[in-house]
């Protein structure tokens, strides 16, 4: 039970590390398209 919680926390942390830069790049692309 505890290991499942730890794995979930690690998974969420890992997802945030990957998702945040991806979302930043996505926002840059959207702004570029809108400004164009």
PDB file of N, CA and C in Angstrom:
ATOM      1  N   UNK A   1       0.849  -1.204   0.000  1.00  0.00           N
ATOM      2  CA  UNK A   1       0.000   0.000   0.000  1.00  0.00           C
ATOM      3  C   UNK A   1       0.883   1.253   0.000  1.00  0.00           C
ATOM      4  N   UNK A   2       1.890   1.265   0.891  1.00  0.00           N
ATOM      5  CA  UNK A   2       2.790   2.426   0.954  1.00  0.00           C
ATOM      6  C   UNK A   2       3.586   2.546  -0.346  1.00  0.00           C
ATOM      7  N   UNK A   3       4.043   1.399  -0.869  1.00  0.00           N
ATOM      8  CA  UNK A   3       4.834   1.452  -2.103  1.00  0.00           C
ATOM      9  C   UNK A   3       4.012   2.022  -3.247  1.00  0.00           C
ATOM     10  N   UNK A   4       2.728   1.706  -3.287  1.00  0.00           N
ATOM     11  CA  UNK A   4       1.862   2.226  -4.351  1.00  0.00           C
ATOM     12  C   UNK A   4       1.794   3.752  -4.274  1.00  0.00           C
ATOM     13  N   UNK A   5       1.674   4.283  -3.044  1.00  0.00           N
ATOM     14  CA  UNK A   5       1.624   5.741  -2.857  1.00  0.00           C
ATOM     15  C   UNK A   5       2.938   6.375  -3.306  1.00  0.00           C
ATOM     16  N   UNK A   6       4.054   5.751  -2.926  1.00  0.00           N
ATOM     17  CA  UNK A   6       5.372   6.286  -3.301  1.00  0.00           C
ATOM     18  C   UNK A   6       5.517   6.286  -4.817  1.00  0.00           C
ATOM     19  N   UNK A   7       5.138   5.173  -5.459  1.00  0.00           N
ATOM     20  CA  UNK A   7       5.231   5.102  -6.917  1.00  0.00           C
ATOM     21  C   UNK A   7       4.356   6.161  -7.568  1.00  0.00           C
ATOM     22  N   UNK A   8       3.175   6.388  -7.014  1.00  0.00           N
ATOM     23  CA  UNK A   8       2.272   7.406  -7.568  1.00  0.00           C
ATOM     24  C   UNK A   8       2.891   8.793  -7.436  1.00  0.00           C
ATOM     25  N   UNK A   9       3.499   9.075  -6.275  1.00  0.00           N
ATOM     26  CA  UNK A   9       4.139  10.378  -6.069  1.00  0.00           C
ATOM     27  C   UNK A   9       5.289  10.568  -7.046  1.00  0.00           C
ATOM     28  N   UNK A  10       6.114   9.526  -7.222  1.00  0.00           N
ATOM     29  CA  UNK A  10       7.234   9.603  -8.163  1.00  0.00           C
ATOM     30  C   UNK A  10       6.704   9.821  -9.577  1.00  0.00           C
ATOM     31  N   UNK A  11       5.649   9.104  -9.936  1.00  0.00           N
ATOM     32  CA  UNK A  11       5.063   9.238 -11.270  1.00  0.00           C
ATOM     33  C   UNK A  11       4.542  10.640 -11.518  1.00  0.00           C
ATOM     34  N   UNK A  12       3.857  11.212 -10.539  1.00  0.00           N
ATOM     35  CA  UNK A  12       3.321  12.566 -10.698  1.00  0.00           C
ATOM     36  C   UNK A  12       4.455  13.581 -10.805  1.00  0.00           C
ATOM     37  N   UNK A  13       5.499  13.410  -9.996  1.00  0.00           N
ATOM     38  CA  UNK A  13       6.648  14.314 -10.036  1.00  0.00           C
ATOM     39  C   UNK A  13       7.325  14.217 -11.397  1.00  0.00           C
ATOM     40  N   UNK A  14       7.486  12.990 -11.907  1.00  0.00           N
ATOM     41  CA  UNK A  14       8.118  12.761 -13.203  1.00  0.00           C
ATOM     42  C   UNK A  14       7.289  13.403 -14.304  1.00  0.00           C
ATOM     43  N   UNK A  15       5.955  13.264 -14.224  1.00  0.00           N
ATOM     44  CA  UNK A  15       5.067  13.863 -15.218  1.00  0.00           C
ATOM     45  C   UNK A  15       5.185  15.377 -15.197  1.00  0.00           C
ATOM     46  N   UNK A  16       5.258  15.981 -14.015  1.00  0.00           N
ATOM     47  CA  UNK A  16       5.359  17.441 -13.931  1.00  0.00           C
ATOM     48  C   UNK A  16       6.673  17.913 -14.539  1.00  0.00           C
ATOM     49  N   UNK A  17       7.763  17.148 -14.338  1.00  0.00           N
ATOM     50  CA  UNK A  17       9.061  17.526 -14.907  1.00  0.00           C
ATOM     51  C   UNK A  17       8.974  17.527 -16.430  1.00  0.00           C
ATOM     52  N   UNK A  18       8.267  16.543 -17.000  1.00  0.00           N
ATOM     53  CA  UNK A  18       8.157  16.458 -18.463  1.00  0.00           C
ATOM     54  C   UNK A  18       7.128  17.456 -18.988  1.00  0.00           C
ATOM     55  N   UNK A  19       6.001  17.575 -18.299  1.00  0.00           N
ATOM     56  CA  UNK A  19       4.884  18.374 -18.821  1.00  0.00           C
ATOM     57  C   UNK A  19       5.143  19.870 -18.797  1.00  0.00           C
ATOM     58  N   UNK A  20       5.782  20.386 -17.763  1.00  0.00           N
ATOM     59  CA  UNK A  20       5.947  21.841 -17.650  1.00  0.00           C
ATOM     60  C   UNK A  20       6.753  22.415 -18.821  1.00  0.00           C
ATOM     61  N   UNK A  21       7.926  21.878 -19.164  1.00  0.00           N
ATOM     62  CA  UNK A  21       8.644  22.417 -20.335  1.00  0.00           C
ATOM     63  C   UNK A  21       7.847  22.223 -21.615  1.00  0.00           C
ATOM     64  N   UNK A  22       7.136  21.107 -21.730  1.00  0.00           N
ATOM     65  CA  UNK A  22       6.321  20.850 -22.919  1.00  0.00           C
ATOM     66  C   UNK A  22       5.236  21.912 -23.052  1.00  0.00           C
ATOM     67  N   UNK A  23       4.568  22.242 -21.935  1.00  0.00           N
ATOM     68  CA  UNK A  23       3.521  23.270 -21.966  1.00  0.00           C
ATOM     69  C   UNK A  23       4.117  24.634 -22.294  1.00  0.00           C
ATOM     70  N   UNK A  24       5.317  24.923 -21.782  1.00  0.00           N
ATOM     71  CA  UNK A  24       5.966  26.199 -22.093  1.00  0.00           C
ATOM     72  C   UNK A  24       6.246  26.300 -23.585  1.00  0.00           C
ATOM     73  N   UNK A  25       6.768  25.233 -24.188  1.00  0.00           N
ATOM     74  CA  UNK A  25       7.028  25.231 -25.628  1.00  0.00           C
ATOM     75  C   UNK A  25       5.731  25.384 -26.398  1.00  0.00           C
ATOM     76  N   UNK A  26       4.678  24.704 -25.943  1.00  0.00           N
ATOM     77  CA  UNK A  26       3.371  24.774 -26.600  1.00  0.00           C
ATOM     78  C   UNK A  26       2.843  26.208 -26.570  1.00  0.00           C
ATOM     79  N   UNK A  27       3.007  26.891 -25.426  1.00  0.00           N
ATOM     80  CA  UNK A  27       2.571  28.286 -25.313  1.00  0.00           C
ATOM     81  C   UNK A  27       3.357  29.179 -26.261  1.00  0.00           C
ATOM     82  N   UNK A  28       4.669  28.950 -26.393  1.00  0.00           N
ATOM     83  CA  UNK A  28       5.486  29.743 -27.319  1.00  0.00           C
ATOM     84  C   UNK A  28       4.993  29.563 -28.744  1.00  0.00           C
ATOM     85  N   UNK A  29       4.700  28.305 -29.124  1.00  0.00           N
ATOM     86  CA  UNK A  29       4.216  28.022 -30.479  1.00  0.00           C
ATOM     87  C   UNK A  29       2.873  28.709 -30.709  1.00  0.00           C
ATOM     88  N   UNK A  30       1.970  28.623 -29.724  1.00  0.00           N
ATOM     89  CA  UNK A  30       0.657  29.264 -29.869  1.00  0.00           C
ATOM     90  C   UNK A  30       0.806  30.771 -30.025  1.00  0.00           C
ATOM     91  N   UNK A  31       1.654  31.398 -29.221  1.00  0.00           N
ATOM     92  CA  UNK A  31       1.854  32.851 -29.322  1.00  0.00           C
ATOM     93  C   UNK A  31       2.421  33.202 -30.685  1.00  0.00           C
ATOM     94  N   UNK A  32       3.357  32.402 -31.168  1.00  0.00           N
ATOM     95  CA  UNK A  32       3.968  32.659 -32.471  1.00  0.00           C
ATOM     96  C   UNK A  32       2.913  32.607 -33.563  1.00  0.00           C
ATOM     97  N   UNK A  33       2.036  31.595 -33.505  1.00  0.00           N
ATOM     98  CA  UNK A  33       0.971  31.452 -34.509  1.00  0.00           C
ATOM     99  C   UNK A  33      -0.006  32.625 -34.406  1.00  0.00           C
ATOM    100  N   UNK A  34      -0.385  33.002 -33.182  1.00  0.00           N
ATOM    101  CA  UNK A  34      -1.352  34.096 -33.001  1.00  0.00           C
ATOM    102  C   UNK A  34      -0.744  35.416 -33.480  1.00  0.00           C
ATOM    103  N   UNK A  35       0.522  35.662 -33.144  1.00  0.00           N
ATOM    104  CA  UNK A  35       1.169  36.910 -33.562  1.00  0.00           C
ATOM    105  C   UNK A  35       1.348  36.948 -35.072  1.00  0.00           C
ATOM    106  N   UNK A  36       1.591  35.799 -35.667  1.00  0.00           N
ATOM    107  CA  UNK A  36       1.774  35.736 -37.113  1.00  0.00           C
ATOM    108  C   UNK A  36       0.460  36.060 -37.807  1.00  0.00           C
TER     109      UNK A  36
END
